[in-house]
N, C-alpha and C. Protein backbone atom coordinates (compact mmCIF):
# COMPACT_ATOMS: atom_id res chain seq x y z
N MET A 1 0.85 -1.20 0.00
CA MET A 1 0.00 0.00 0.00
C MET A 1 0.89 1.25 0.00
N THR A 2 0.56 2.20 -0.85
CA THR A 2 1.36 3.42 -0.89
C THR A 2 0.93 4.38 0.21
N THR A 3 1.77 5.36 0.46
CA THR A 3 1.46 6.35 1.49
C THR A 3 0.18 7.11 1.13
N ALA A 4 0.02 7.43 -0.15
CA ALA A 4 -1.17 8.16 -0.58
C ALA A 4 -2.43 7.36 -0.30
N GLN A 5 -2.39 6.06 -0.59
CA GLN A 5 -3.56 5.22 -0.33
C GLN A 5 -3.85 5.15 1.16
N PHE A 6 -2.79 5.05 1.96
CA PHE A 6 -2.94 4.97 3.41
C PHE A 6 -3.60 6.24 3.94
N LEU A 7 -3.09 7.40 3.49
CA LEU A 7 -3.65 8.67 3.94
C LEU A 7 -5.10 8.81 3.50
N GLN A 8 -5.41 8.34 2.29
CA GLN A 8 -6.78 8.44 1.80
C GLN A 8 -7.70 7.58 2.67
N ASP A 9 -7.25 6.38 3.03
CA ASP A 9 -8.05 5.51 3.90
C ASP A 9 -8.29 6.19 5.24
N CYS A 10 -7.24 6.79 5.80
CA CYS A 10 -7.37 7.48 7.09
C CYS A 10 -8.37 8.63 6.98
N TRP A 11 -8.31 9.35 5.87
CA TRP A 11 -9.20 10.50 5.66
C TRP A 11 -10.65 10.04 5.59
N TYR A 12 -10.92 8.97 4.84
CA TYR A 12 -12.29 8.48 4.74
C TYR A 12 -12.79 7.98 6.10
N GLU A 13 -11.92 7.32 6.84
CA GLU A 13 -12.27 6.83 8.18
C GLU A 13 -12.62 8.00 9.08
N LEU A 14 -11.80 9.05 9.02
CA LEU A 14 -12.03 10.24 9.84
C LEU A 14 -13.36 10.89 9.47
N GLN A 15 -13.63 11.02 8.19
CA GLN A 15 -14.89 11.63 7.75
C GLN A 15 -16.08 10.81 8.23
N ALA A 16 -15.98 9.49 8.15
CA ALA A 16 -17.07 8.63 8.60
C ALA A 16 -17.34 8.82 10.09
N ARG A 17 -16.27 8.92 10.88
CA ARG A 17 -16.42 9.13 12.32
C ARG A 17 -17.09 10.48 12.59
N LEU A 18 -16.64 11.53 11.89
CA LEU A 18 -17.21 12.86 12.08
C LEU A 18 -18.69 12.87 11.70
N LEU A 19 -19.03 12.20 10.60
CA LEU A 19 -20.43 12.17 10.17
C LEU A 19 -21.29 11.47 11.21
N SER A 20 -20.83 10.37 11.77
CA SER A 20 -21.61 9.65 12.77
C SER A 20 -21.74 10.48 14.04
N LEU A 21 -20.67 11.21 14.39
CA LEU A 21 -20.73 12.07 15.57
C LEU A 21 -21.74 13.19 15.35
N ASN A 22 -21.72 13.80 14.17
CA ASN A 22 -22.66 14.87 13.86
C ASN A 22 -24.09 14.36 13.89
N ALA A 23 -24.31 13.16 13.38
CA ALA A 23 -25.64 12.58 13.38
C ALA A 23 -26.12 12.38 14.81
N ASP A 24 -25.25 11.87 15.68
CA ASP A 24 -25.61 11.67 17.08
C ASP A 24 -25.96 13.00 17.73
N SER A 25 -25.17 14.03 17.45
CA SER A 25 -25.40 15.34 18.04
C SER A 25 -26.74 15.91 17.58
N LEU A 26 -27.04 15.78 16.29
CA LEU A 26 -28.29 16.31 15.76
C LEU A 26 -29.48 15.60 16.39
N ILE A 27 -29.36 14.29 16.58
CA ILE A 27 -30.46 13.52 17.17
C ILE A 27 -30.68 13.97 18.61
N LYS A 28 -29.60 14.19 19.35
CA LYS A 28 -29.73 14.60 20.75
C LYS A 28 -30.34 16.00 20.86
N VAL A 29 -29.94 16.90 19.96
CA VAL A 29 -30.44 18.28 20.00
C VAL A 29 -31.94 18.30 19.70
N SER A 30 -32.36 17.56 18.67
CA SER A 30 -33.76 17.59 18.27
C SER A 30 -34.55 16.53 19.01
């Protein structure tokens, strides 16, 4: 695996975590 692929995987993982956190926050607020 190249460094670029590794960083891309990390980025997608991070985005997925942020999206799930935002969804949880929105549900709690509303």
